[in-house]
Protein backbone atom coordinates (compact mmCIF):
# COMPACT_ATOMS: atom_id res chain seq x y z
CA MET A 1 -22.88 -0.90 -33.64
CA GLN A 2 -19.22 -0.17 -32.77
CA LEU A 3 -19.06 2.63 -35.39
CA LEU A 4 -22.31 4.08 -34.04
CA THR A 5 -20.94 4.02 -30.48
CA LEU A 6 -17.69 5.65 -31.59
CA PHE A 7 -19.62 8.35 -33.48
CA LEU A 8 -21.84 9.10 -30.49
CA THR A 9 -18.75 9.32 -28.24
CA LEU A 10 -16.89 11.64 -30.57
CA ALA A 11 -19.99 13.77 -31.03
CA GLN A 12 -19.77 14.70 -27.33
CA ILE A 13 -16.15 15.82 -27.60
CA PRO A 14 -15.62 19.42 -28.75
CA GLU A 15 -13.75 19.68 -32.06
CA ILE A 16 -10.32 21.38 -32.01
CA ALA A 17 -7.97 22.52 -34.76
CA GLY A 18 -4.59 20.96 -35.36
CA THR A 19 -3.04 17.56 -35.97
CA PRO A 20 -2.20 15.17 -33.10
CA THR A 21 1.51 14.81 -32.51
CA ASP A 22 3.18 11.56 -31.40
CA PHE A 23 4.83 12.16 -28.04
CA VAL A 24 5.86 8.83 -26.57
CA ARG A 25 5.88 5.77 -28.82
CA MET A 26 7.11 2.33 -27.95
CA ARG A 27 8.15 -0.04 -30.74
CA PHE A 28 9.10 -3.68 -30.89
CA THR A 29 10.24 -6.32 -33.39
CA GLU A 30 8.84 -9.83 -33.13
CA ILE A 31 11.85 -12.13 -33.34
CA GLU A 32 10.04 -15.38 -32.59
CA ALA A 33 6.33 -15.70 -31.96
CA GLY A 34 6.48 -18.51 -29.39
CA SER A 35 4.31 -21.62 -29.27
CA GLY A 36 3.22 -21.71 -25.62
CA VAL A 37 0.13 -20.25 -24.01
CA ALA A 38 -0.37 -16.50 -24.17
CA ALA A 39 0.72 -14.51 -21.11
CA LYS A 40 -2.03 -12.66 -19.23
CA PRO A 41 -1.89 -9.31 -17.41
CA GLY A 42 -1.10 -9.64 -13.71
CA GLN A 43 0.82 -12.91 -14.06
CA GLU A 44 4.36 -13.47 -12.84
CA PHE A 45 6.60 -13.45 -15.89
CA THR A 46 9.91 -15.30 -16.04
CA VAL A 47 12.17 -13.73 -18.65
CA HIS A 48 15.67 -13.65 -20.06
CA TYR A 49 16.90 -10.32 -21.34
CA THR A 50 19.88 -8.38 -22.63
CA GLY A 51 19.87 -4.54 -22.62
CA TRP A 52 21.83 -2.08 -24.71
CA LEU A 53 22.11 1.68 -25.04
CA THR A 54 21.59 3.02 -28.54
CA ASN A 55 25.40 3.39 -28.94
CA GLY A 56 25.65 -0.38 -28.71
CA LYS A 57 26.94 -0.57 -25.14
CA LYS A 58 25.50 -3.57 -23.27
CA PHE A 59 24.57 -2.52 -19.71
CA ASP A 60 22.89 -5.67 -18.37
CA SER A 61 22.07 -9.26 -19.26
CA SER A 62 20.35 -12.02 -17.37
CA ARG A 63 21.70 -14.48 -19.96
CA ASP A 64 25.30 -13.59 -19.05
CA ARG A 65 24.50 -14.43 -15.39
CA ASN A 66 22.24 -17.39 -16.38
CA GLN A 67 19.72 -16.01 -13.94
CA PRO A 68 16.24 -15.34 -15.42
CA LEU A 69 14.34 -12.42 -13.99
CA LYS A 70 10.86 -12.80 -12.45
CA PHE A 71 8.39 -9.90 -12.09
CA ILE A 72 4.67 -9.55 -11.66
CA GLN A 73 3.17 -7.60 -14.53
CA GLY A 74 1.31 -4.50 -13.35
CA ARG A 75 3.02 -4.21 -9.97
CA ARG A 76 5.35 -1.41 -11.18
CA ARG A 77 8.50 -3.28 -10.16
CA VAL A 78 10.02 -2.82 -13.59
CA ILE A 79 10.17 0.13 -15.99
CA ALA A 80 6.98 1.09 -17.85
CA GLY A 81 8.39 -0.20 -21.15
CA TRP A 82 8.63 -3.67 -19.66
CA GLU A 83 5.11 -3.48 -18.19
CA ALA A 84 3.79 -2.92 -21.74
CA GLY A 85 6.47 -4.76 -23.76
CA PHE A 86 5.26 -8.33 -23.19
CA GLU A 87 1.62 -7.75 -24.15
CA GLY A 88 0.37 -10.42 -26.48
CA MET A 89 3.47 -12.62 -26.14
CA LYS A 90 3.33 -16.38 -25.88
CA ILE A 91 5.67 -18.47 -23.77
CA GLY A 92 8.80 -19.12 -25.75
CA GLY A 93 8.39 -15.83 -27.66
CA LYS A 94 11.21 -13.39 -28.28
CA ARG A 95 11.11 -9.71 -28.98
CA ARG A 96 13.38 -6.72 -29.39
CA LEU A 97 11.95 -3.75 -27.47
CA PHE A 98 12.79 -0.13 -28.31
CA ILE A 99 11.90 1.80 -25.16
CA PRO A 100 11.81 5.62 -25.08
CA TYR A 101 13.35 7.27 -22.06
CA GLN A 102 9.93 8.33 -20.76
CA MET A 103 9.09 4.65 -20.35
CA ALA A 104 12.55 3.75 -19.07
CA TYR A 105 14.62 5.75 -16.52
CA GLY A 106 13.41 9.20 -17.44
CA GLU A 107 15.30 12.44 -17.57
CA GLN A 108 17.60 11.58 -14.69
CA GLY A 109 18.77 8.10 -15.71
CA ARG A 110 20.07 5.63 -13.16
CA GLY A 111 23.47 4.03 -12.58
CA ALA A 112 24.87 3.06 -15.98
CA ILE A 113 21.83 4.49 -17.75
CA PRO A 114 22.46 8.12 -18.77
CA PRO A 115 19.74 10.79 -18.74
CA LYS A 116 17.06 10.56 -21.42
CA ALA A 117 18.43 7.27 -22.70
CA GLU A 118 16.38 5.15 -25.12
CA LEU A 119 16.95 1.52 -24.32
CA ILE A 120 16.98 -1.60 -26.48
CA PHE A 121 16.16 -4.97 -24.94
CA ASP A 122 16.12 -8.45 -26.44
CA VAL A 123 13.65 -10.36 -24.27
CA GLU A 124 12.45 -13.93 -24.13
CA LEU A 125 9.30 -14.98 -22.21
CA LEU A 126 10.24 -18.23 -20.50
CA GLY A 127 7.12 -18.66 -18.36
CA ALA A 128 3.98 -16.97 -17.01
CA GLU A 129 2.09 -18.07 -13.85
CA ASP A 130 -0.95 -16.83 -12.01
CA VAL A 131 -0.37 -15.08 -8.66
CA LYS A 132 -2.60 -14.12 -5.76
CA PRO A 133 -3.86 -10.52 -5.91
CA ALA A 134 -1.54 -8.11 -4.12
CA VAL A 135 -2.64 -6.46 -0.89
CA ALA A 136 -1.20 -2.98 -1.14
CA ALA A 137 -1.43 -2.31 2.60
CA ILE A 138 0.24 -5.55 3.73
CA ASP A 139 3.08 -3.61 5.38
CA LEU A 140 0.48 -1.80 7.49
CA MET A 141 -1.70 -4.89 8.14
CA ASN A 142 0.98 -7.06 9.71
CA PRO A 143 1.97 -4.68 12.58
CA PHE A 144 -1.66 -3.70 12.99
CA GLU A 145 -2.82 -7.32 13.52
CA ASP A 146 -0.05 -7.98 16.05
CA THR A 147 -0.74 -4.87 18.06
CA ALA A 148 -4.56 -5.17 17.79
CA SER A 149 -4.59 -8.77 19.11
CA LYS A 150 -2.46 -7.85 22.07
CA LEU A 151 -4.43 -4.68 22.88
CA LEU A 152 -7.72 -6.61 22.93
CA ALA A 153 -6.29 -9.53 24.94
CA LEU A 154 -4.83 -7.18 27.57
CA ALA A 155 -8.01 -5.10 27.81
CA LYS A 156 -9.97 -8.28 28.52
CA ALA A 157 -7.43 -9.37 31.17
CA ILE A 158 -7.68 -6.18 33.27
CA PRO A 159 -9.98 -6.72 36.29
CA GLU A 160 -12.95 -4.36 36.35
CA ASP A 161 -11.91 -2.98 39.73
CA LYS A 162 -8.57 -1.91 38.22
CA LEU A 163 -9.98 0.06 35.28
CA ASP A 164 -9.81 3.35 37.17
CA TRP A 165 -6.24 2.85 38.37
CA ARG A 166 -3.84 5.49 37.21
CA PRO A 167 -0.12 5.89 38.03
CA ALA A 168 -0.48 9.53 39.14
CA PRO A 169 -3.06 12.30 39.20
CA GLY A 170 -3.70 13.75 35.77
CA VAL A 171 -2.44 10.65 33.97
CA ARG A 172 -4.86 8.45 32.03
CA SER A 173 -6.30 5.42 33.82
CA PHE A 174 -6.52 1.92 32.34
CA ARG A 175 -9.98 2.68 31.04
CA GLU A 176 -9.00 6.08 29.62
CA VAL A 177 -6.04 4.62 27.73
CA ILE A 178 -8.25 1.97 26.18
CA LEU A 179 -10.95 4.53 25.22
CA HIS A 180 -8.27 6.98 23.98
CA THR A 181 -6.92 4.22 21.67
CA ALA A 182 -10.42 3.31 20.40
CA TYR A 183 -11.49 6.86 19.77
CA GLY A 184 -8.14 7.69 18.23
CA ASN A 185 -8.61 4.90 15.68
CA LYS A 186 -12.12 6.15 14.96
CA ALA A 187 -10.99 9.71 14.40
CA LEU A 188 -8.03 8.76 12.22
CA LEU A 189 -10.18 6.43 10.11
CA TRP A 190 -12.64 9.29 9.63
CA MET A 191 -9.77 11.56 8.53
CA ALA A 192 -8.66 9.02 5.96
CA THR A 193 -12.18 8.43 4.65
CA ASP A 194 -13.66 11.92 4.57
CA THR A 195 -10.50 14.14 4.44
CA PRO A 196 -12.20 16.80 6.60
CA PRO A 197 -10.82 20.34 7.07
CA GLN A 198 -8.49 20.95 10.00
CA ASP A 199 -11.01 22.84 12.13
CA LEU A 200 -13.41 19.89 12.04
CA VAL A 201 -10.52 17.51 12.87
CA ASP A 202 -9.59 19.65 15.91
CA GLN A 203 -13.20 19.66 17.12
CA ARG A 204 -13.62 15.91 16.62
CA PHE A 205 -10.51 15.19 18.69
CA LYS A 206 -11.72 17.50 21.47
CA ASP A 207 -15.04 15.70 21.50
CA TYR A 208 -13.42 12.33 21.72
CA ALA A 209 -11.04 13.53 24.47
CA ARG A 210 -14.10 14.37 26.63
CA LYS A 211 -15.60 10.94 25.96
CA GLU A 212 -12.44 9.25 27.29
CA SER A 213 -13.52 10.07 30.81
CA GLU A 214 -16.88 8.27 30.53
CA SER A 215 -17.32 5.61 33.22
CA LEU A 216 -18.19 2.76 30.89
CA THR A 217 -18.37 -0.83 32.12
CA LYS A 218 -15.52 -3.16 31.32
CA ASP A 219 -17.65 -5.03 28.76
CA LYS A 220 -18.63 -1.81 27.03
CA THR A 221 -15.04 -0.53 27.09
CA VAL A 222 -13.71 -3.72 25.55
CA GLU A 223 -16.59 -3.78 23.03
CA LEU A 224 -15.81 -0.21 21.88
CA LEU A 225 -12.14 -1.07 21.39
CA ALA A 226 -12.99 -4.26 19.45
CA GLU A 227 -15.41 -2.37 17.19
CA ASN A 228 -12.85 0.24 16.24
CA LEU A 229 -10.11 -2.34 15.72
CA GLU A 230 -12.47 -4.25 13.42
CA ALA A 231 -13.28 -1.07 11.45
CA VAL A 232 -9.57 -0.62 10.60
CA ARG A 233 -9.16 -4.35 9.93
CA LYS A 234 -11.96 -4.33 7.32
CA ILE A 235 -10.71 -1.34 5.30
CA LEU A 236 -6.94 -2.07 5.09
CA PRO A 237 -7.13 -4.95 2.59
CA THR A 238 -9.35 -2.87 0.28
CA LEU A 239 -6.90 0.02 -0.16
CA ARG A 240 -5.28 0.32 -3.58
CA PRO A 241 -1.74 1.72 -4.07
CA ALA A 242 -3.09 4.88 -5.73
CA VAL A 243 -5.37 5.48 -2.71
CA LEU A 244 -2.55 4.97 -0.22
CA ASP A 245 -0.31 7.33 -2.14
CA ARG A 246 -2.90 10.07 -2.33
CA GLU A 247 -1.47 13.30 -0.99
CA MET A 248 -3.38 14.87 1.88
CA PRO A 249 -2.57 17.03 4.90
CA VAL A 250 -2.30 15.29 8.24
CA PHE A 251 -2.43 17.53 11.31
CA GLY A 252 -1.33 20.47 9.22
CA GLN A 253 1.65 18.69 7.61
CA PRO A 254 1.87 17.35 4.03
CA SER A 255 1.49 13.59 4.00
CA THR A 256 -0.42 10.77 2.29
CA MET A 257 -3.30 8.51 3.17
CA ARG A 258 -0.73 5.84 3.98
CA GLY A 259 0.63 8.27 6.56
CA ILE A 260 -2.66 8.22 8.46
CA TYR A 261 -2.56 4.41 8.68
CA VAL A 262 1.07 4.56 9.84
CA ILE A 263 -0.12 6.88 12.63
CA ILE A 264 -2.83 4.37 13.56
CA ASP A 265 -0.23 1.61 13.86
CA THR A 266 2.22 3.73 15.86
CA HIS A 267 -0.55 5.18 18.10
CA MET A 268 -1.83 1.72 18.97
CA ALA A 269 1.69 0.44 19.63
CA GLU A 270 2.42 3.43 21.91
CA HIS A 271 -0.63 2.80 24.08
CA LEU A 272 -0.11 -0.95 24.08
CA GLY A 273 3.23 -0.24 25.74
CA GLN A 274 1.57 2.08 28.24
CA LEU A 275 -0.99 -0.62 29.16
CA ILE A 276 1.69 -3.25 29.52
CA ALA A 277 3.53 -0.98 32.00
CA TYR A 278 0.29 -0.37 33.88
CA ALA A 279 -0.45 -4.10 33.97
CA ARG A 280 3.03 -5.10 35.23
CA THR A 281 2.78 -2.49 37.99
CA ASN A 282 -0.53 -4.03 39.11
CA GLY A 283 0.62 -7.65 38.91
CA ILE A 284 -1.32 -8.36 35.69
CA THR A 285 0.50 -10.63 33.31
CA PRO A 286 -0.12 -9.99 29.62
CA PRO A 287 -1.94 -13.06 28.29
CA TRP A 288 0.48 -13.67 25.38
CA SER A 289 3.45 -13.99 27.78
CA GLN A 290 1.90 -16.31 30.34
CA LYS A 291 3.06 -19.51 28.64
CA GLN A 292 6.66 -18.33 28.83
CA GLN A 293 6.65 -18.17 32.61
């Protein structure tokens, strides 16, 4: 069955002339097989290592420091040769890795590593433990949660008869700031999800700007804010690193999808500060600071 599947797959690939050429090849020598359990992808590995250049110069050693290194396989916190070099190892195993420069520090090198340097490592796998799945957007989620909880708490604390208060003519009122924040989240989330062209983005923001002046009740205003905060809250934990790093224009400037979520965080923080100033002016104490008084 496997041969039939392979044949059917290859039959769909157009034939070409020529012989495949090896480009990047990693090699290793098994020094000691190890007798512990086999390490699994995505685990946290604890390792000892010594690294040399091909001229015999030792450039680093955890053994010399007596400080084993820990890293989570697959998180790209080590060079590519290390990500692949422990595959199939058992705890207690030892290997010598021969890592081409393309899987090490590349054409530029780094520190004591010269450009295009092949590296040689003697490694020992001391341990391997399961870890919780990484949340790629954790750096965005933490400030979002803090700002979102304060925004919602303050919006609920504003008396209904104060929603139309504004510090001066032409400046947004309480209600308009809350709606502006909610619609801003909605528009930015749409940009991140659908990557629309700039003319549609401009039109959507104009439409939402008009909706900011709607005389919604306090309950409806707070509900709209809560809905849009929840929409961001649901999507952030699902974002993978490759998605966050995807290049895309943001307001006509080169950026990434992560850049949009940074704007969401900073936009919310900006208008939280505005609402706090409004509240203090009107004798409204932000709920999270009441216990300190």
